[in-house]
N, C-alpha and C. Protein backbone atom coordinates (compact mmCIF):
# COMPACT_ATOMS: atom_id res chain seq x y z
N MET A 1 -2.00 43.46 -11.51
CA MET A 1 -2.72 42.20 -11.49
C MET A 1 -1.74 41.06 -11.21
N LEU A 2 -2.12 40.19 -10.34
CA LEU A 2 -1.29 39.04 -9.99
C LEU A 2 -1.47 37.93 -11.01
N GLY A 3 -0.42 37.14 -11.20
CA GLY A 3 -0.49 36.00 -12.12
C GLY A 3 -1.10 34.79 -11.42
N PRO A 4 -1.16 33.67 -12.11
CA PRO A 4 -1.73 32.46 -11.52
C PRO A 4 -0.87 31.96 -10.36
N CYS A 5 -1.51 31.38 -9.37
CA CYS A 5 -0.80 30.84 -8.21
C CYS A 5 -0.34 29.42 -8.49
N PRO A 6 0.84 29.05 -8.01
CA PRO A 6 1.28 27.67 -8.16
C PRO A 6 0.46 26.74 -7.28
N GLU A 7 0.25 25.53 -7.73
CA GLU A 7 -0.48 24.55 -6.93
C GLU A 7 0.06 23.15 -7.23
N TRP A 8 -0.18 22.25 -6.27
CA TRP A 8 0.28 20.88 -6.41
C TRP A 8 -0.61 20.11 -7.38
N GLY A 9 0.02 19.27 -8.17
CA GLY A 9 -0.71 18.35 -9.03
C GLY A 9 -1.09 17.11 -8.22
N GLU A 10 -1.64 16.13 -8.90
CA GLU A 10 -2.04 14.87 -8.24
C GLU A 10 -0.80 14.10 -7.81
N TRP A 11 -0.95 13.31 -6.76
CA TRP A 11 0.13 12.42 -6.33
C TRP A 11 0.33 11.34 -7.38
N GLY A 12 1.58 11.00 -7.63
CA GLY A 12 1.90 9.88 -8.51
C GLY A 12 1.68 8.58 -7.76
N ALA A 13 1.93 7.48 -8.43
CA ALA A 13 1.78 6.15 -7.81
C ALA A 13 2.91 5.89 -6.82
N TRP A 14 2.62 5.08 -5.81
CA TRP A 14 3.65 4.66 -4.86
C TRP A 14 4.63 3.76 -5.58
N ASN A 15 5.93 3.89 -5.27
CA ASN A 15 6.88 2.92 -5.81
C ASN A 15 6.69 1.61 -5.05
N GLU A 16 7.10 0.51 -5.64
CA GLU A 16 6.91 -0.81 -5.04
C GLU A 16 7.94 -1.06 -3.94
N CYS A 17 7.53 -1.78 -2.92
CA CYS A 17 8.46 -2.22 -1.88
C CYS A 17 9.16 -3.47 -2.41
N THR A 18 10.47 -3.56 -2.21
CA THR A 18 11.20 -4.74 -2.64
C THR A 18 10.72 -5.95 -1.86
N THR A 19 10.53 -5.76 -0.55
CA THR A 19 10.03 -6.82 0.32
C THR A 19 8.86 -6.28 1.12
N PRO A 20 7.61 -6.64 0.76
CA PRO A 20 6.46 -6.14 1.52
C PRO A 20 6.57 -6.52 3.00
N CYS A 21 6.09 -5.67 3.87
CA CYS A 21 6.09 -5.84 5.32
C CYS A 21 7.49 -5.71 5.94
N ASN A 22 8.45 -5.18 5.21
CA ASN A 22 9.80 -4.99 5.72
C ASN A 22 9.84 -3.65 6.48
N PRO A 23 10.02 -3.69 7.81
CA PRO A 23 10.02 -2.44 8.59
C PRO A 23 11.24 -1.55 8.34
N PHE A 24 12.24 -2.06 7.63
CA PHE A 24 13.46 -1.28 7.38
C PHE A 24 13.46 -0.66 5.98
N GLU A 25 12.36 -0.79 5.26
CA GLU A 25 12.27 -0.25 3.91
C GLU A 25 11.09 0.72 3.84
N SER A 26 11.19 1.72 2.99
CA SER A 26 10.06 2.65 2.81
C SER A 26 9.76 2.80 1.33
N ARG A 27 8.56 3.27 1.06
CA ARG A 27 8.15 3.55 -0.31
C ARG A 27 7.82 5.03 -0.39
N LYS A 28 7.75 5.59 -1.59
CA LYS A 28 7.46 7.01 -1.72
C LYS A 28 6.68 7.28 -3.00
N ARG A 29 6.08 8.47 -3.03
CA ARG A 29 5.40 8.95 -4.23
C ARG A 29 5.66 10.45 -4.33
N HIS A 30 5.54 10.98 -5.53
CA HIS A 30 5.87 12.38 -5.81
C HIS A 30 4.67 13.12 -6.40
N ARG A 31 4.74 14.44 -6.32
CA ARG A 31 3.80 15.30 -7.02
C ARG A 31 4.56 16.53 -7.50
N GLN A 32 4.04 17.18 -8.54
CA GLN A 32 4.71 18.32 -9.15
C GLN A 32 4.00 19.62 -8.78
N CYS A 33 4.77 20.65 -8.60
CA CYS A 33 4.25 21.99 -8.38
C CYS A 33 4.14 22.66 -9.75
N THR A 34 2.95 23.12 -10.10
CA THR A 34 2.73 23.70 -11.43
C THR A 34 1.94 25.00 -11.36
N ILE A 35 2.03 25.75 -12.44
CA ILE A 35 1.20 26.93 -12.65
C ILE A 35 0.40 26.67 -13.91
N ARG A 36 -0.90 26.86 -13.84
CA ARG A 36 -1.76 26.68 -15.02
C ARG A 36 -1.79 27.98 -15.82
N LEU A 37 -1.42 27.87 -17.08
CA LEU A 37 -1.42 29.03 -17.97
C LEU A 37 -2.63 28.96 -18.88
N GLY A 38 -3.35 30.03 -18.98
CA GLY A 38 -4.53 30.06 -19.84
C GLY A 38 -5.70 30.69 -19.11
N ASP A 39 -6.88 30.51 -19.69
CA ASP A 39 -8.08 31.15 -19.15
C ASP A 39 -8.98 30.20 -18.37
N GLY A 40 -8.48 29.01 -18.04
CA GLY A 40 -9.29 28.04 -17.29
C GLY A 40 -10.03 27.06 -18.17
N ALA A 41 -9.92 27.22 -19.47
CA ALA A 41 -10.59 26.29 -20.39
C ALA A 41 -9.77 25.01 -20.51
N SER A 42 -10.40 23.96 -21.00
CA SER A 42 -9.66 22.71 -21.19
C SER A 42 -8.55 22.96 -22.20
N GLY A 43 -7.48 22.26 -22.05
CA GLY A 43 -6.34 22.45 -22.93
C GLY A 43 -5.35 23.48 -22.43
N ASP A 44 -5.60 24.04 -21.24
CA ASP A 44 -4.63 24.98 -20.67
C ASP A 44 -3.30 24.28 -20.49
N GLU A 45 -2.25 25.02 -20.61
CA GLU A 45 -0.91 24.47 -20.44
C GLU A 45 -0.50 24.59 -18.98
N GLU A 46 0.19 23.57 -18.47
CA GLU A 46 0.72 23.62 -17.10
C GLU A 46 2.23 23.74 -17.18
N LEU A 47 2.77 24.65 -16.42
CA LEU A 47 4.20 24.89 -16.38
C LEU A 47 4.72 24.41 -15.04
N GLU A 48 5.69 23.50 -15.07
CA GLU A 48 6.28 23.00 -13.82
C GLU A 48 7.19 24.09 -13.25
N VAL A 49 7.05 24.34 -11.95
CA VAL A 49 7.87 25.34 -11.27
C VAL A 49 8.59 24.68 -10.09
N ALA A 50 9.47 25.42 -9.46
CA ALA A 50 10.22 24.88 -8.31
C ALA A 50 9.26 24.47 -7.21
N LYS A 51 9.55 23.33 -6.57
CA LYS A 51 8.67 22.81 -5.51
C LYS A 51 8.52 23.79 -4.35
N GLU A 52 9.49 24.68 -4.17
CA GLU A 52 9.42 25.66 -3.08
C GLU A 52 8.30 26.69 -3.32
N ALA A 53 7.81 26.79 -4.56
CA ALA A 53 6.74 27.74 -4.86
C ALA A 53 5.40 27.27 -4.30
N CYS A 54 5.26 25.98 -4.04
CA CYS A 54 4.02 25.43 -3.48
C CYS A 54 4.20 25.16 -1.99
N GLU A 55 3.13 25.25 -1.25
CA GLU A 55 3.16 24.97 0.18
C GLU A 55 2.95 23.48 0.40
N GLY A 56 3.78 22.87 1.24
CA GLY A 56 3.64 21.44 1.52
C GLY A 56 4.77 20.64 0.93
N LEU A 57 4.61 19.32 0.97
CA LEU A 57 5.67 18.40 0.56
C LEU A 57 5.50 17.91 -0.88
N ALA A 58 6.63 17.73 -1.56
CA ALA A 58 6.63 17.19 -2.92
C ALA A 58 6.74 15.67 -2.91
N VAL A 59 7.25 15.12 -1.81
CA VAL A 59 7.45 13.67 -1.69
C VAL A 59 6.78 13.19 -0.42
N GLU A 60 6.07 12.08 -0.50
CA GLU A 60 5.43 11.48 0.67
C GLU A 60 6.03 10.10 0.87
N HIS A 61 6.38 9.78 2.11
CA HIS A 61 6.99 8.50 2.45
C HIS A 61 6.02 7.65 3.28
N ASP A 62 6.13 6.34 3.13
CA ASP A 62 5.30 5.40 3.88
C ASP A 62 6.14 4.15 4.14
N SER A 63 6.01 3.57 5.28
CA SER A 63 6.76 2.36 5.62
C SER A 63 6.25 1.17 4.81
N CYS A 64 7.16 0.32 4.40
CA CYS A 64 6.76 -0.92 3.73
C CYS A 64 6.14 -1.89 4.72
N ALA A 65 6.18 -1.55 6.01
CA ALA A 65 5.54 -2.37 7.03
C ALA A 65 4.18 -1.80 7.43
N SER A 66 3.69 -0.80 6.66
CA SER A 66 2.38 -0.24 6.98
C SER A 66 1.28 -1.26 6.70
N GLU A 67 0.16 -1.07 7.33
CA GLU A 67 -0.95 -2.01 7.17
C GLU A 67 -1.41 -2.09 5.71
N LYS A 68 -1.43 -0.96 5.00
CA LYS A 68 -1.84 -0.96 3.59
C LYS A 68 -0.94 -1.87 2.77
N VAL A 69 0.37 -1.77 2.97
CA VAL A 69 1.32 -2.56 2.19
C VAL A 69 1.23 -4.03 2.58
N CYS A 70 1.19 -4.32 3.88
CA CYS A 70 1.16 -5.72 4.34
C CYS A 70 -0.13 -6.42 3.93
N ASN A 71 -1.26 -5.71 3.98
CA ASN A 71 -2.53 -6.32 3.61
C ASN A 71 -2.63 -6.58 2.11
N SER A 72 -1.85 -5.85 1.30
CA SER A 72 -1.91 -6.06 -0.15
C SER A 72 -0.75 -6.94 -0.64
N ALA A 73 0.10 -7.39 0.29
CA ALA A 73 1.25 -8.22 -0.10
C ALA A 73 0.77 -9.60 -0.55
N PRO A 74 1.46 -10.17 -1.55
CA PRO A 74 1.08 -11.52 -1.97
C PRO A 74 1.33 -12.51 -0.83
N VAL A 75 0.48 -13.49 -0.73
CA VAL A 75 0.60 -14.49 0.33
C VAL A 75 1.48 -15.62 -0.15
N VAL A 76 2.49 -15.92 0.64
CA VAL A 76 3.38 -17.04 0.33
C VAL A 76 3.24 -18.03 1.47
N ALA A 77 2.73 -19.20 1.18
CA ALA A 77 2.45 -20.20 2.22
C ALA A 77 3.70 -20.55 3.00
N GLY A 78 3.56 -20.57 4.32
CA GLY A 78 4.64 -21.01 5.20
C GLY A 78 5.69 -19.97 5.50
N VAL A 79 5.54 -18.75 5.03
CA VAL A 79 6.53 -17.71 5.28
C VAL A 79 6.07 -16.87 6.47
N LYS A 80 6.93 -16.73 7.43
CA LYS A 80 6.61 -15.93 8.61
C LYS A 80 7.24 -14.55 8.43
N VAL A 81 6.44 -13.50 8.58
CA VAL A 81 6.91 -12.14 8.39
C VAL A 81 6.75 -11.38 9.69
N HIS A 82 7.81 -10.73 10.13
CA HIS A 82 7.75 -9.92 11.34
C HIS A 82 7.59 -8.47 10.92
N VAL A 83 6.66 -7.76 11.54
CA VAL A 83 6.44 -6.34 11.26
C VAL A 83 6.41 -5.57 12.56
N LYS A 84 6.44 -4.26 12.47
CA LYS A 84 6.41 -3.41 13.66
C LYS A 84 5.15 -3.66 14.47
N ALA A 85 5.25 -3.45 15.78
CA ALA A 85 4.11 -3.66 16.68
C ALA A 85 2.93 -2.77 16.32
N ASP A 86 3.19 -1.55 15.82
CA ASP A 86 2.09 -0.64 15.51
C ASP A 86 1.31 -1.04 14.26
N THR A 87 1.75 -2.09 13.56
CA THR A 87 1.00 -2.55 12.39
C THR A 87 0.42 -3.93 12.63
N GLY A 88 0.32 -4.34 13.87
CA GLY A 88 -0.36 -5.59 14.16
C GLY A 88 0.53 -6.71 14.64
N GLY A 89 1.81 -6.45 14.84
CA GLY A 89 2.69 -7.50 15.35
C GLY A 89 3.07 -8.50 14.27
N GLU A 90 3.29 -9.74 14.70
CA GLU A 90 3.74 -10.79 13.78
C GLU A 90 2.58 -11.28 12.92
N ARG A 91 2.87 -11.49 11.66
CA ARG A 91 1.86 -12.05 10.75
C ARG A 91 2.42 -13.33 10.16
N ILE A 92 1.61 -14.34 10.10
CA ILE A 92 2.05 -15.61 9.51
C ILE A 92 1.19 -15.86 8.27
N PHE A 93 1.87 -16.07 7.13
CA PHE A 93 1.16 -16.33 5.89
C PHE A 93 1.33 -17.79 5.51
């Protein structure tokens, strides 16, 4: 009989960009590879295993100049921010 298969947990939160809309900076988030121990009932224990046991990436990267980051950046009056062309070009706040 085979044991439980390892699987990825939920993605953690993105780390903050020091300077939103900065094309030279990136942000990242992590997830853990785990094996669920127990019979599937609530309260099962999860055991963290090596990330190589799961298929896929443990860390996801995103540019601080991505549209998601730039659209959620605080607006500072009179500040001109340059971003990559693929995220809409120059933005003036």
